[in-house]
Amino acid sequence: MRLSHTRRLPQLAVLAKILCLLMVVMCGAVPAMVRSVSLYSTCSSGNVTVIGRSIKAMGRDDHNAPYQKLTTQSEDFSRKLYIFAEKSQRYICFNKRWKLVGLPKKQKGPMCQFYEVYNGSYLRYRSAVDGTRYIGFNKFGKPMKNPHGRQECFNFIKYNPHADINHHNSLVNMEMGGMEPREPYVVSRKTSPVMRAAKNSLLQADSARGHVHTSTHRHRHSNRWKMRQDGGDSGPRRRHESRHLVEASKY
């Protein structure tokens, strides 16, 4: 009994050491979670663009496309995220005056951390320091200064930077079961079967009305022709003959 007990002790010690090593690795060397994204501002209809210290939301072209490629990074198991611009090597942060600026890695801090929250079908990025402050852009693509401004200007759509926003919206539309979603998801121009059936019924009704109108018009002309052939429509001809008799009596 004593021999078996002494054999188990070294095994338990080894397992305890392995467990301690795993705990140290998990606590001290947590790998960062990184995702490449682009953020589409619903208010400005542009993508978040970080060029140096300046941050704006503008349309995509060949020049600014690299500056619109962002990564969301989480350095721990909390929900706090950093938003990093790869081309500019800058982090999106608030300064002391709550203005959005692009800061290098050595200057990043709590003012560069955000919570990603849902607002209906859209995403918002709330400051980890002040829960009333969100990333937002007005219709001209400039950062929002008033936290109580137009609420739709704080909404974003997150999509793959290597894909087109229209393609992303069409996929979202398909996932929603063919429903007509709100802007800016409405991209597909294909009509639904119900709309096509309604359109065809309207066209058939218009053609039927046109046919009835044409047949009635032809029927009226045919009646006049028959009256003329039978001598029933002699009113205009008699008036014409009486006029010639009056003119002849003058001479």
Protein backbone atom coordinates (compact mmCIF):
# COMPACT_ATOMS: atom_id res chain seq x y z
CA MET A 1 0.00 0.00 0.00
CA ARG A 2 2.80 2.38 0.90
CA LEU A 3 4.62 1.59 -2.37
CA SER A 4 1.62 2.43 -4.56
CA HIS A 5 1.03 5.61 -2.57
CA THR A 6 4.62 6.77 -3.08
CA ARG A 7 4.34 6.10 -6.82
CA ARG A 8 1.29 8.35 -7.17
CA LEU A 9 2.94 11.35 -5.51
CA PRO A 10 5.50 12.02 -8.30
CA GLN A 11 2.75 11.75 -10.90
CA LEU A 12 0.60 14.32 -9.08
CA ALA A 13 3.58 16.64 -8.75
CA VAL A 14 4.27 16.47 -12.47
CA LEU A 15 0.64 17.20 -13.29
CA ALA A 16 0.63 20.15 -10.90
CA LYS A 17 3.73 21.62 -12.56
CA ILE A 18 2.17 21.27 -16.02
CA LEU A 19 -1.00 22.98 -14.82
CA CYS A 20 1.01 25.87 -13.36
CA LEU A 21 2.92 26.31 -16.61
CA LEU A 22 -0.32 26.39 -18.60
CA MET A 23 -1.75 29.04 -16.29
CA VAL A 24 1.36 31.19 -16.67
CA VAL A 25 1.24 30.95 -20.46
CA MET A 26 -2.45 31.81 -20.60
CA CYS A 27 -2.10 34.80 -18.27
CA GLY A 28 1.14 36.25 -19.58
CA ALA A 29 1.14 35.50 -23.28
CA VAL A 30 -2.43 35.79 -24.56
CA PRO A 31 -2.38 36.09 -28.37
CA ALA A 32 -4.17 39.12 -29.80
CA MET A 33 -7.39 38.53 -31.71
CA VAL A 34 -7.10 40.39 -35.05
CA ARG A 35 -9.71 40.79 -37.79
CA SER A 36 -9.32 42.78 -41.01
CA VAL A 37 -12.37 44.96 -41.65
CA SER A 38 -13.63 48.13 -43.29
CA LEU A 39 -16.18 50.36 -41.59
CA TYR A 40 -18.93 51.89 -43.73
CA SER A 41 -20.55 55.01 -42.26
CA THR A 42 -24.30 55.04 -42.97
CA CYS A 43 -24.55 58.81 -42.52
CA SER A 44 -21.75 59.84 -44.90
CA SER A 45 -22.00 56.79 -47.22
CA GLY A 46 -18.23 56.46 -47.01
CA ASN A 47 -15.60 54.25 -45.39
CA VAL A 48 -13.53 55.22 -42.36
CA THR A 49 -10.20 56.44 -43.73
CA VAL A 50 -7.09 57.03 -41.61
CA ILE A 51 -4.38 59.08 -43.33
CA GLY A 52 -1.78 60.07 -40.77
CA ARG A 53 -3.46 61.85 -37.88
CA SER A 54 -6.57 62.71 -39.91
CA ILE A 55 -9.64 60.47 -39.73
CA LYS A 56 -12.57 60.90 -42.14
CA ALA A 57 -15.31 58.83 -43.80
CA MET A 58 -15.10 59.09 -47.57
CA GLY A 59 -15.83 57.17 -50.75
CA ARG A 60 -13.51 54.45 -51.91
CA ASP A 61 -11.08 54.92 -54.80
CA ASP A 62 -7.70 53.59 -55.89
CA HIS A 63 -5.83 56.19 -53.82
CA ASN A 64 -7.50 55.87 -50.42
CA ALA A 65 -8.49 52.18 -50.53
CA PRO A 66 -5.33 51.07 -48.64
CA TYR A 67 -6.05 53.63 -45.90
CA GLN A 68 -9.52 52.16 -45.37
CA LYS A 69 -8.25 48.72 -44.40
CA LEU A 70 -8.57 48.42 -40.62
CA THR A 71 -8.06 45.70 -38.03
CA THR A 72 -9.92 45.25 -34.75
CA GLN A 73 -7.60 43.95 -32.05
CA SER A 74 -8.32 42.53 -28.61
CA GLU A 75 -5.33 42.02 -26.34
CA ASP A 76 -7.17 40.21 -23.55
CA PHE A 77 -10.40 38.37 -22.84
CA SER A 78 -12.39 41.57 -22.31
CA ARG A 79 -14.64 43.10 -24.98
CA LYS A 80 -12.40 46.13 -25.40
CA LEU A 81 -11.10 46.62 -28.93
CA TYR A 82 -8.42 48.66 -30.63
CA ILE A 83 -9.07 49.86 -34.19
CA PHE A 84 -5.80 49.92 -36.10
CA ALA A 85 -5.15 51.35 -39.58
CA GLU A 86 -2.58 49.13 -41.27
CA LYS A 87 -1.41 51.53 -43.98
CA SER A 88 -0.95 54.51 -41.68
CA GLN A 89 0.20 52.40 -38.73
CA ARG A 90 -2.13 54.43 -36.51
CA TYR A 91 -4.80 53.68 -33.94
CA ILE A 92 -8.18 55.42 -33.92
CA CYS A 93 -8.39 57.28 -30.61
CA PHE A 94 -10.13 60.12 -28.81
CA ASN A 95 -7.98 62.96 -27.57
CA LYS A 96 -8.62 64.97 -24.40
CA ARG A 97 -11.16 67.13 -26.26
CA TRP A 98 -12.98 64.01 -27.54
CA LYS A 99 -11.87 64.54 -31.11
CA LEU A 100 -10.98 61.52 -33.25
CA VAL A 101 -7.29 61.35 -34.10
CA GLY A 102 -4.87 58.75 -35.41
CA LEU A 103 -2.14 57.95 -32.88
CA PRO A 104 0.97 55.76 -33.23
CA LYS A 105 1.47 52.62 -31.16
CA LYS A 106 3.59 54.31 -28.48
CA GLN A 107 0.75 56.76 -27.71
CA LYS A 108 -2.16 54.33 -27.58
CA GLY A 109 -4.01 54.02 -24.30
CA PRO A 110 -7.48 53.70 -22.77
CA MET A 111 -8.78 56.49 -25.04
CA CYS A 112 -8.10 54.15 -27.98
CA GLN A 113 -10.27 51.33 -26.64
CA PHE A 114 -13.86 50.80 -27.74
CA TYR A 115 -16.77 48.44 -27.18
CA GLU A 116 -18.46 47.05 -30.27
CA VAL A 117 -22.21 47.11 -29.67
CA TYR A 118 -25.26 46.49 -31.85
CA ASN A 119 -27.85 49.14 -32.64
CA GLY A 120 -30.53 47.26 -34.56
CA SER A 121 -28.97 46.10 -37.82
CA TYR A 122 -25.89 48.30 -37.42
CA LEU A 123 -22.77 48.46 -35.25
CA ARG A 124 -21.57 51.21 -32.97
CA TYR A 125 -18.22 51.78 -31.29
CA ARG A 126 -18.52 53.17 -27.77
CA SER A 127 -15.57 54.57 -25.86
CA ALA A 128 -14.31 52.34 -23.05
CA VAL A 129 -13.64 55.47 -20.96
CA ASP A 130 -16.96 57.33 -21.42
CA GLY A 131 -20.10 55.39 -22.27
CA THR A 132 -21.74 58.45 -23.87
CA ARG A 133 -19.05 58.86 -26.54
CA TYR A 134 -19.23 57.00 -29.85
CA ILE A 135 -17.31 57.07 -33.11
CA GLY A 136 -19.41 58.95 -35.66
CA PHE A 137 -19.21 60.95 -38.87
CA ASN A 138 -21.59 63.55 -40.31
CA LYS A 139 -22.91 63.59 -43.88
CA PHE A 140 -19.75 65.38 -45.04
CA GLY A 141 -17.52 62.62 -43.65
CA LYS A 142 -16.13 64.67 -40.75
CA PRO A 143 -16.02 63.30 -37.18
CA MET A 144 -19.05 64.08 -35.06
CA LYS A 145 -18.42 66.64 -32.31
CA ASN A 146 -21.79 66.52 -30.60
CA PRO A 147 -22.49 63.16 -28.89
CA HIS A 148 -26.22 63.99 -28.98
CA GLY A 149 -26.32 64.69 -32.73
CA ARG A 150 -28.06 62.64 -35.43
CA GLN A 151 -28.09 59.11 -34.06
CA GLU A 152 -27.83 57.45 -37.47
CA CYS A 153 -24.42 59.09 -37.88
CA PHE A 154 -23.02 56.74 -35.23
CA ASN A 155 -24.03 53.60 -37.17
CA PHE A 156 -21.60 51.48 -39.15
CA ILE A 157 -21.53 48.39 -41.32
CA LYS A 158 -18.49 46.15 -40.93
CA TYR A 159 -17.42 44.18 -44.00
CA ASN A 160 -14.44 42.50 -45.59
CA PRO A 161 -12.11 45.16 -47.07
CA HIS A 162 -11.31 42.86 -50.00
CA ALA A 163 -15.00 42.70 -50.98
CA ASP A 164 -17.28 45.38 -52.37
CA ILE A 165 -19.89 46.95 -50.04
CA ASN A 166 -22.64 46.27 -52.60
CA HIS A 167 -21.72 42.58 -52.61
CA HIS A 168 -21.81 42.55 -48.81
CA ASN A 169 -25.24 44.20 -48.75
CA SER A 170 -26.65 41.69 -51.24
CA LEU A 171 -25.43 38.83 -49.04
CA VAL A 172 -27.06 40.43 -46.01
CA ASN A 173 -30.28 40.76 -48.00
CA MET A 174 -30.20 37.05 -48.83
CA GLU A 175 -29.56 36.13 -45.19
CA MET A 176 -32.60 38.16 -44.16
CA GLY A 177 -34.83 35.82 -46.17
CA GLY A 178 -35.49 38.04 -49.16
CA MET A 179 -37.10 40.76 -47.01
CA GLU A 180 -36.85 44.38 -48.01
CA PRO A 181 -34.36 45.74 -45.47
CA ARG A 182 -33.69 49.31 -44.50
CA GLU A 183 -31.10 51.49 -46.10
CA PRO A 184 -28.24 51.02 -46.83
CA TYR A 185 -28.86 47.30 -47.32
CA VAL A 186 -31.27 47.79 -50.25
CA VAL A 187 -29.00 47.07 -53.19
CA SER A 188 -30.60 44.34 -55.27
CA ARG A 189 -32.57 45.60 -58.27
CA LYS A 190 -34.25 42.26 -59.06
CA THR A 191 -38.01 42.29 -58.65
CA SER A 192 -39.67 39.66 -56.48
CA PRO A 193 -42.16 37.12 -57.94
CA VAL A 194 -45.04 38.95 -56.23
CA MET A 195 -44.04 42.25 -57.83
CA ARG A 196 -43.66 40.58 -61.23
CA ALA A 197 -47.15 39.02 -60.93
CA ALA A 198 -48.68 42.38 -59.93
CA LYS A 199 -46.94 44.09 -62.83
CA ASN A 200 -48.19 41.47 -65.30
CA SER A 201 -51.77 41.80 -64.02
CA LEU A 202 -51.61 45.57 -64.46
CA LEU A 203 -50.30 45.17 -68.00
CA GLN A 204 -53.09 42.71 -68.83
CA ALA A 205 -55.71 45.10 -67.44
CA ASP A 206 -54.29 47.97 -69.51
CA SER A 207 -54.32 45.85 -72.67
CA ALA A 208 -57.93 44.76 -71.98
CA ARG A 209 -59.04 48.39 -71.56
CA GLY A 210 -57.26 49.31 -74.78
CA HIS A 211 -58.97 46.44 -76.61
CA VAL A 212 -62.43 47.49 -75.37
CA HIS A 213 -61.80 51.10 -76.37
CA THR A 214 -60.61 50.07 -79.85
CA SER A 215 -63.53 47.72 -80.44
CA THR A 216 -66.04 50.40 -79.33
CA HIS A 217 -64.40 52.93 -81.62
CA ARG A 218 -64.57 50.51 -84.56
CA HIS A 219 -68.18 49.68 -83.76
CA ARG A 220 -69.15 53.34 -83.93
CA HIS A 221 -67.46 53.78 -87.30
CA SER A 222 -69.13 50.64 -88.67
CA ASN A 223 -72.58 51.91 -87.60
CA ARG A 224 -71.99 55.23 -89.33
CA TRP A 225 -70.89 53.43 -92.48
CA LYS A 226 -74.00 51.26 -92.47
CA MET A 227 -76.26 54.29 -92.01
CA ARG A 228 -74.62 56.02 -94.93
CA GLN A 229 -75.02 52.92 -97.10
CA ASP A 230 -78.72 52.61 -96.14
CA GLY A 231 -79.42 56.31 -96.69
CA GLY A 232 -80.22 56.84 -93.03
CA ASP A 233 -77.44 59.40 -92.55
CA SER A 234 -78.69 61.88 -95.15
CA GLY A 235 -78.66 64.92 -92.89
CA PRO A 236 -75.34 66.41 -94.04
CA ARG A 237 -76.09 65.66 -97.72
CA ARG A 238 -79.53 67.38 -97.56
CA ARG A 239 -78.01 70.44 -95.94
CA HIS A 240 -75.44 70.55 -98.72
CA GLU A 241 -78.16 70.35 -101.43
CA SER A 242 -80.31 73.06 -99.81
CA ARG A 243 -77.34 75.39 -99.76
CA HIS A 244 -76.87 74.96 -103.52
CA LEU A 245 -80.59 75.74 -104.10
CA VAL A 246 -80.35 78.98 -102.14
CA GLU A 247 -77.27 80.06 -104.08
CA ALA A 248 -79.01 79.25 -107.42
CA SER A 249 -82.09 81.32 -106.47
CA LYS A 250 -79.91 84.39 -106.04
CA TYR A 251 -79.08 84.38 -109.73
